[in-house]
PDB file of N, CA and C in Angstrom:
ATOM      1  N   UNK A   1       6.266  -8.157   8.944  1.00  0.00           N
ATOM      2  CA  UNK A   1       5.284  -8.147   7.810  1.00  0.00           C
ATOM      3  C   UNK A   1       4.690  -6.818   7.826  1.00  0.00           C
ATOM      4  N   UNK A   2       4.234  -6.240   9.041  1.00  0.00           N
ATOM      5  CA  UNK A   2       3.506  -4.837   9.216  1.00  0.00           C
ATOM      6  C   UNK A   2       4.600  -3.878   9.037  1.00  0.00           C
ATOM      7  N   UNK A   3       5.963  -3.985   9.188  1.00  0.00           N
ATOM      8  CA  UNK A   3       6.975  -2.941   8.766  1.00  0.00           C
ATOM      9  C   UNK A   3       6.915  -2.844   7.298  1.00  0.00           C
ATOM     10  N   UNK A   4       6.935  -3.982   6.464  1.00  0.00           N
ATOM     11  CA  UNK A   4       6.966  -4.053   5.115  1.00  0.00           C
ATOM     12  C   UNK A   4       5.598  -3.458   4.641  1.00  0.00           C
ATOM     13  N   UNK A   5       4.427  -3.519   5.051  1.00  0.00           N
ATOM     14  CA  UNK A   5       3.084  -2.797   4.805  1.00  0.00           C
ATOM     15  C   UNK A   5       3.189  -1.369   4.978  1.00  0.00           C
ATOM     16  N   UNK A   6       3.837  -1.051   5.987  1.00  0.00           N
ATOM     17  CA  UNK A   6       4.137   0.552   6.336  1.00  0.00           C
ATOM     18  C   UNK A   6       4.665   1.010   5.190  1.00  0.00           C
ATOM     19  N   UNK A   7       5.822   0.508   4.986  1.00  0.00           N
ATOM     20  CA  UNK A   7       6.796   1.120   3.883  1.00  0.00           C
ATOM     21  C   UNK A   7       6.032   1.184   2.492  1.00  0.00           C
ATOM     22  N   UNK A   8       5.256   0.170   2.242  1.00  0.00           N
ATOM     23  CA  UNK A   8       4.531   0.020   0.986  1.00  0.00           C
ATOM     24  C   UNK A   8       3.603   1.108   0.880  1.00  0.00           C
ATOM     25  N   UNK A   9       2.765   1.364   1.968  1.00  0.00           N
ATOM     26  CA  UNK A   9       1.843   2.477   2.025  1.00  0.00           C
ATOM     27  C   UNK A   9       2.270   3.754   1.910  1.00  0.00           C
ATOM     28  N   UNK A  10       3.536   4.048   2.505  1.00  0.00           N
ATOM     29  CA  UNK A  10       4.287   5.337   2.320  1.00  0.00           C
ATOM     30  C   UNK A  10       4.332   5.692   0.787  1.00  0.00           C
ATOM     31  N   UNK A  11       4.697   4.603   0.210  1.00  0.00           N
ATOM     32  CA  UNK A  11       4.984   4.733  -1.348  1.00  0.00           C
ATOM     33  C   UNK A  11       3.683   4.827  -2.197  1.00  0.00           C
ATOM     34  N   UNK A  12       2.492   4.677  -1.732  1.00  0.00           N
ATOM     35  CA  UNK A  12       1.375   4.660  -2.538  1.00  0.00           C
ATOM     36  C   UNK A  12       1.313   5.977  -3.658  1.00  0.00           C
ATOM     37  N   UNK A  13       1.431   7.176  -3.136  1.00  0.00           N
ATOM     38  CA  UNK A  13       1.617   8.247  -3.798  1.00  0.00           C
ATOM     39  C   UNK A  13       2.575   8.709  -4.436  1.00  0.00           C
ATOM     40  N   UNK A  14       3.881   8.023  -4.340  1.00  0.00           N
ATOM     41  CA  UNK A  14       5.075   8.342  -4.806  1.00  0.00           C
ATOM     42  C   UNK A  14       5.307   7.751  -6.316  1.00  0.00           C
ATOM     43  N   UNK A  15       6.206   8.414  -7.018  1.00  0.00           N
ATOM     44  CA  UNK A  15       6.246   7.757  -8.315  1.00  0.00           C
ATOM     45  C   UNK A  15       7.091   6.333  -8.592  1.00  0.00           C
ATOM     46  N   UNK A  16       7.041   5.795  -9.438  1.00  0.00           N
ATOM     47  CA  UNK A  16       7.598   4.342  -9.575  1.00  0.00           C
ATOM     48  C   UNK A  16       8.916   4.391  -9.021  1.00  0.00           C
ATOM     49  N   UNK A  17       9.132   4.505  -7.733  1.00  0.00           N
ATOM     50  CA  UNK A  17      10.494   4.370  -7.244  1.00  0.00           C
ATOM     51  C   UNK A  17      10.765   2.917  -6.408  1.00  0.00           C
ATOM     52  N   UNK A  18      12.114   2.501  -6.749  1.00  0.00           N
ATOM     53  CA  UNK A  18      12.291   1.105  -6.058  1.00  0.00           C
ATOM     54  C   UNK A  18      13.518   1.516  -5.235  1.00  0.00           C
ATOM     55  N   UNK A  19      13.648   1.063  -3.898  1.00  0.00           N
ATOM     56  CA  UNK A  19      14.700   1.437  -3.189  1.00  0.00           C
ATOM     57  C   UNK A  19      14.749   0.325  -2.096  1.00  0.00           C
ATOM     58  N   UNK A  20      15.757   0.468  -1.360  1.00  0.00           N
ATOM     59  CA  UNK A  20      15.829  -0.436  -0.176  1.00  0.00           C
ATOM     60  C   UNK A  20      16.130   0.532   1.174  1.00  0.00           C
ATOM     61  N   UNK A  21      15.455   0.067   2.217  1.00  0.00           N
ATOM     62  CA  UNK A  21      15.791   0.811   3.423  1.00  0.00           C
ATOM     63  C   UNK A  21      16.108  -0.141   4.466  1.00  0.00           C
ATOM     64  N   UNK A  22      16.927   0.219   5.294  1.00  0.00           N
ATOM     65  CA  UNK A  22      17.472  -0.604   6.420  1.00  0.00           C
ATOM     66  C   UNK A  22      16.751  -0.223   7.799  1.00  0.00           C
ATOM     67  N   UNK A  23      16.125  -0.984   8.453  1.00  0.00           N
ATOM     68  CA  UNK A  23      15.480  -0.488   9.748  1.00  0.00           C
ATOM     69  C   UNK A  23      16.127  -1.748  10.598  1.00  0.00           C
ATOM     70  N   UNK A  24      16.992  -1.178  11.448  1.00  0.00           N
ATOM     71  CA  UNK A  24      17.709  -2.290  12.402  1.00  0.00           C
ATOM     72  C   UNK A  24      18.589  -3.102  11.674  1.00  0.00           C
ATOM     73  N   UNK A  25      18.327  -4.491  11.837  1.00  0.00           N
ATOM     74  CA  UNK A  25      18.908  -5.337  11.148  1.00  0.00           C
ATOM     75  C   UNK A  25      18.271  -5.946  10.009  1.00  0.00           C
ATOM     76  N   UNK A  26      17.114  -5.326   9.683  1.00  0.00           N
ATOM     77  CA  UNK A  26      16.042  -5.824   8.602  1.00  0.00           C
ATOM     78  C   UNK A  26      16.443  -4.932   7.422  1.00  0.00           C
ATOM     79  N   UNK A  27      16.552  -5.559   6.282  1.00  0.00           N
ATOM     80  CA  UNK A  27      16.478  -4.527   4.832  1.00  0.00           C
ATOM     81  C   UNK A  27      15.330  -4.845   4.294  1.00  0.00           C
ATOM     82  N   UNK A  28      14.542  -3.793   3.908  1.00  0.00           N
ATOM     83  CA  UNK A  28      13.264  -3.716   3.250  1.00  0.00           C
ATOM     84  C   UNK A  28      13.247  -3.525   1.671  1.00  0.00           C
ATOM     85  N   UNK A  29      12.521  -3.882   1.017  1.00  0.00           N
ATOM     86  CA  UNK A  29      12.426  -3.611  -0.364  1.00  0.00           C
ATOM     87  C   UNK A  29      11.084  -2.514  -0.517  1.00  0.00           C
ATOM     88  N   UNK A  30      11.310  -1.523  -1.158  1.00  0.00           N
ATOM     89  CA  UNK A  30      10.265  -0.568  -1.419  1.00  0.00           C
ATOM     90  C   UNK A  30       9.818  -0.477  -2.618  1.00  0.00           C
ATOM     91  N   UNK A  31       8.419  -0.618  -2.926  1.00  0.00           N
ATOM     92  CA  UNK A  31       7.931  -0.343  -4.259  1.00  0.00           C
ATOM     93  C   UNK A  31       6.507  -0.122  -4.206  1.00  0.00           C
ATOM     94  N   UNK A  32       6.049   0.935  -5.141  1.00  0.00           N
ATOM     95  CA  UNK A  32       4.684   1.302  -5.176  1.00  0.00           C
ATOM     96  C   UNK A  32       3.816   0.274  -5.504  1.00  0.00           C
ATOM     97  N   UNK A  33       2.761   0.193  -4.866  1.00  0.00           N
ATOM     98  CA  UNK A  33       1.622  -0.941  -5.038  1.00  0.00           C
ATOM     99  C   UNK A  33       0.467  -0.584  -5.920  1.00  0.00           C
ATOM    100  N   UNK A  34       0.119   0.709  -5.640  1.00  0.00           N
ATOM    101  CA  UNK A  34      -0.953   1.469  -6.448  1.00  0.00           C
ATOM    102  C   UNK A  34      -0.819   2.755  -6.487  1.00  0.00           C
ATOM    103  N   UNK A  35      -1.171   3.547  -7.434  1.00  0.00           N
ATOM    104  CA  UNK A  35      -1.142   4.931  -7.591  1.00  0.00           C
ATOM    105  C   UNK A  35      -2.346   5.567  -7.956  1.00  0.00           C
ATOM    106  N   UNK A  36      -2.326   6.828  -8.206  1.00  0.00           N
ATOM    107  CA  UNK A  36      -3.641   7.458  -8.719  1.00  0.00           C
ATOM    108  C   UNK A  36      -4.640   7.538  -7.573  1.00  0.00           C
ATOM    109  N   UNK A  37      -4.502   7.744  -6.336  1.00  0.00           N
ATOM    110  CA  UNK A  37      -5.414   7.583  -5.459  1.00  0.00           C
ATOM    111  C   UNK A  37      -6.010   8.794  -5.049  1.00  0.00           C
ATOM    112  N   UNK A  38      -7.320   9.184  -4.747  1.00  0.00           N
ATOM    113  CA  UNK A  38      -7.894  10.283  -4.366  1.00  0.00           C
ATOM    114  C   UNK A  38      -7.941  10.344  -2.965  1.00  0.00           C
ATOM    115  N   UNK A  39      -6.922  10.871  -2.209  1.00  0.00           N
ATOM    116  CA  UNK A  39      -6.745  11.234  -0.796  1.00  0.00           C
ATOM    117  C   UNK A  39      -7.087   9.933  -0.116  1.00  0.00           C
ATOM    118  N   UNK A  40      -6.000   9.070   0.008  1.00  0.00           N
ATOM    119  CA  UNK A  40      -6.305   7.745   0.817  1.00  0.00           C
ATOM    120  C   UNK A  40      -6.508   8.154   2.354  1.00  0.00           C
ATOM    121  N   UNK A  41      -7.643   7.623   2.824  1.00  0.00           N
ATOM    122  CA  UNK A  41      -8.098   8.078   4.071  1.00  0.00           C
ATOM    123  C   UNK A  41      -7.704   7.089   5.253  1.00  0.00           C
ATOM    124  N   UNK A  42      -8.051   5.823   4.982  1.00  0.00           N
ATOM    125  CA  UNK A  42      -7.662   4.736   6.003  1.00  0.00           C
ATOM    126  C   UNK A  42      -7.181   3.617   5.289  1.00  0.00           C
ATOM    127  N   UNK A  43      -6.065   3.018   5.805  1.00  0.00           N
ATOM    128  CA  UNK A  43      -5.566   1.789   4.985  1.00  0.00           C
ATOM    129  C   UNK A  43      -5.308   0.745   6.209  1.00  0.00           C
ATOM    130  N   UNK A  44      -5.868  -0.484   5.741  1.00  0.00           N
ATOM    131  CA  UNK A  44      -5.615  -1.625   6.911  1.00  0.00           C
ATOM    132  C   UNK A  44      -5.258  -2.748   6.141  1.00  0.00           C
ATOM    133  N   UNK A  45      -4.510  -3.755   6.777  1.00  0.00           N
ATOM    134  CA  UNK A  45      -4.089  -4.994   6.244  1.00  0.00           C
ATOM    135  C   UNK A  45      -5.138  -5.842   6.609  1.00  0.00           C
ATOM    136  N   UNK A  46      -5.857  -6.743   5.427  1.00  0.00           N
ATOM    137  CA  UNK A  46      -6.817  -7.513   5.851  1.00  0.00           C
ATOM    138  C   UNK A  46      -6.523  -9.010   6.104  1.00  0.00           C
ATOM    139  N   UNK A  47      -7.213  -9.697   6.767  1.00  0.00           N
ATOM    140  CA  UNK A  47      -6.870 -11.001   7.245  1.00  0.00           C
ATOM    141  C   UNK A  47      -6.824 -12.065   5.900  1.00  0.00           C
ATOM    142  N   UNK A  48      -7.495 -11.408   4.730  1.00  0.00           N
ATOM    143  CA  UNK A  48      -7.279 -11.972   3.497  1.00  0.00           C
ATOM    144  C   UNK A  48      -6.168 -12.057   2.860  1.00  0.00           C
ATOM    145  N   UNK A  49      -5.319 -11.085   3.303  1.00  0.00           N
ATOM    146  CA  UNK A  49      -3.962 -10.878   2.580  1.00  0.00           C
ATOM    147  C   UNK A  49      -3.955  -9.759   1.717  1.00  0.00           C
ATOM    148  N   UNK A  50      -5.033  -8.826   1.627  1.00  0.00           N
ATOM    149  CA  UNK A  50      -5.357  -7.928   0.820  1.00  0.00           C
ATOM    150  C   UNK A  50      -5.074  -6.673   1.507  1.00  0.00           C
ATOM    151  N   UNK A  51      -4.774  -5.360   1.030  1.00  0.00           N
ATOM    152  CA  UNK A  51      -5.077  -4.170   1.694  1.00  0.00           C
ATOM    153  C   UNK A  51      -6.497  -3.706   1.447  1.00  0.00           C
ATOM    154  N   UNK A  52      -7.072  -3.210   2.462  1.00  0.00           N
ATOM    155  CA  UNK A  52      -8.414  -2.675   2.575  1.00  0.00           C
ATOM    156  C   UNK A  52      -8.238  -0.895   2.757  1.00  0.00           C
ATOM    157  N   UNK A  53      -8.864  -0.277   1.953  1.00  0.00           N
ATOM    158  CA  UNK A  53      -8.659   1.003   2.260  1.00  0.00           C
ATOM    159  C   UNK A  53      -9.876   1.889   1.641  1.00  0.00           C
ATOM    160  N   UNK A  54      -9.998   3.049   2.285  1.00  0.00           N
ATOM    161  CA  UNK A  54     -10.709   4.141   1.913  1.00  0.00           C
ATOM    162  C   UNK A  54     -10.380   5.333   1.283  1.00  0.00           C
ATOM    163  N   UNK A  55     -10.816   6.049   0.415  1.00  0.00           N
ATOM    164  CA  UNK A  55     -10.545   7.281  -0.120  1.00  0.00           C
ATOM    165  C   UNK A  55     -11.498   8.438   0.461  1.00  0.00           C
ATOM    166  N   UNK A  56     -10.977   9.490   0.381  1.00  0.00           N
ATOM    167  CA  UNK A  56     -11.812  10.649   0.894  1.00  0.00           C
ATOM    168  C   UNK A  56     -13.228  10.900   0.359  1.00  0.00           C
ATOM    169  N   UNK A  57     -13.346  10.698  -0.934  1.00  0.00           N
ATOM    170  CA  UNK A  57     -14.769  10.555  -1.717  1.00  0.00           C
ATOM    171  C   UNK A  57     -15.648   9.516  -1.100  1.00  0.00           C
ATOM    172  N   UNK A  58     -15.280   8.572  -0.185  1.00  0.00           N
ATOM    173  CA  UNK A  58     -16.044   7.486   0.300  1.00  0.00           C
ATOM    174  C   UNK A  58     -15.894   6.152  -0.498  1.00  0.00           C
ATOM    175  N   UNK A  59     -14.784   5.998  -1.318  1.00  0.00           N
ATOM    176  CA  UNK A  59     -14.485   4.686  -2.027  1.00  0.00           C
ATOM    177  C   UNK A  59     -13.803   3.774  -1.104  1.00  0.00           C
ATOM    178  N   UNK A  60     -14.475   2.597  -1.175  1.00  0.00           N
ATOM    179  CA  UNK A  60     -13.905   1.588  -0.319  1.00  0.00           C
ATOM    180  C   UNK A  60     -13.269   0.458  -1.353  1.00  0.00           C
ATOM    181  N   UNK A  61     -11.967   0.360  -1.079  1.00  0.00           N
ATOM    182  CA  UNK A  61     -11.391  -0.602  -1.999  1.00  0.00           C
ATOM    183  C   UNK A  61     -10.583  -1.849  -1.449  1.00  0.00           C
ATOM    184  N   UNK A  62     -10.245  -2.753  -2.233  1.00  0.00           N
ATOM    185  CA  UNK A  62      -9.530  -3.952  -1.747  1.00  0.00           C
ATOM    186  C   UNK A  62      -8.355  -4.020  -2.740  1.00  0.00           C
ATOM    187  N   UNK A  63      -7.189  -3.924  -2.409  1.00  0.00           N
ATOM    188  CA  UNK A  63      -5.934  -4.088  -3.327  1.00  0.00           C
ATOM    189  C   UNK A  63      -5.261  -5.202  -3.104  1.00  0.00           C
ATOM    190  N   UNK A  64      -4.901  -5.982  -4.287  1.00  0.00           N
ATOM    191  CA  UNK A  64      -3.954  -7.058  -4.276  1.00  0.00           C
ATOM    192  C   UNK A  64      -2.529  -6.610  -4.156  1.00  0.00           C
ATOM    193  N   UNK A  65      -1.893  -6.855  -3.255  1.00  0.00           N
ATOM    194  CA  UNK A  65      -0.396  -6.435  -3.097  1.00  0.00           C
ATOM    195  C   UNK A  65       0.392  -6.864  -4.072  1.00  0.00           C
ATOM    196  N   UNK A  66       0.292  -8.178  -4.583  1.00  0.00           N
ATOM    197  CA  UNK A  66       1.147  -8.638  -5.894  1.00  0.00           C
ATOM    198  C   UNK A  66       0.995  -8.108  -7.027  1.00  0.00           C
ATOM    199  N   UNK A  67      -0.343  -7.819  -7.471  1.00  0.00           N
ATOM    200  CA  UNK A  67      -0.626  -7.278  -8.827  1.00  0.00           C
ATOM    201  C   UNK A  67      -0.898  -5.837  -8.842  1.00  0.00           C
ATOM    202  N   UNK A  68      -1.320  -5.252  -7.833  1.00  0.00           N
ATOM    203  CA  UNK A  68      -1.876  -3.797  -7.759  1.00  0.00           C
ATOM    204  C   UNK A  68      -3.253  -3.760  -8.214  1.00  0.00           C
ATOM    205  N   UNK A  69      -3.810  -4.694  -8.458  1.00  0.00           N
ATOM    206  CA  UNK A  69      -5.191  -4.632  -8.863  1.00  0.00           C
ATOM    207  C   UNK A  69      -6.254  -4.128  -7.668  1.00  0.00           C
ATOM    208  N   UNK A  70      -7.070  -3.017  -8.175  1.00  0.00           N
ATOM    209  CA  UNK A  70      -7.885  -2.522  -7.179  1.00  0.00           C
ATOM    210  C   UNK A  70      -9.238  -2.732  -7.482  1.00  0.00           C
ATOM    211  N   UNK A  71     -10.089  -3.261  -6.403  1.00  0.00           N
ATOM    212  CA  UNK A  71     -11.461  -3.619  -6.724  1.00  0.00           C
ATOM    213  C   UNK A  71     -12.232  -2.476  -5.818  1.00  0.00           C
ATOM    214  N   UNK A  72     -13.027  -1.967  -6.418  1.00  0.00           N
ATOM    215  CA  UNK A  72     -13.919  -0.844  -5.489  1.00  0.00           C
ATOM    216  C   UNK A  72     -15.114  -1.294  -5.362  1.00  0.00           C
ATOM    217  N   UNK A  73     -15.668  -0.961  -4.147  1.00  0.00           N
ATOM    218  CA  UNK A  73     -16.844  -1.625  -3.704  1.00  0.00           C
ATOM    219  C   UNK A  73     -17.903  -0.349  -3.423  1.00  0.00           C
TER     220      UNK A  73
END
C-alpha cells in the first residue's frame, strides 16, 4: 500500500497520465490524484485512509484518494 501511495504522490504535479509500473513482481497502476498544488511540502498517509498534506504557503489539506476531493483547513 505504501508503494502505491509513493507512486501516486509522484504523479501529483504531472498531467493526467495513466501508466503501469512494475516494481519487482508487483505491477502498480499510476494515476494523478490531485493537481494544481502550490509547492507540496509534506505528504502523509493518514490512519483515516486520506492523504494529509501541507503546501508551502502554509495550507493544510486532507485529500480523498478515491475522488481527489481536497479539503483545506
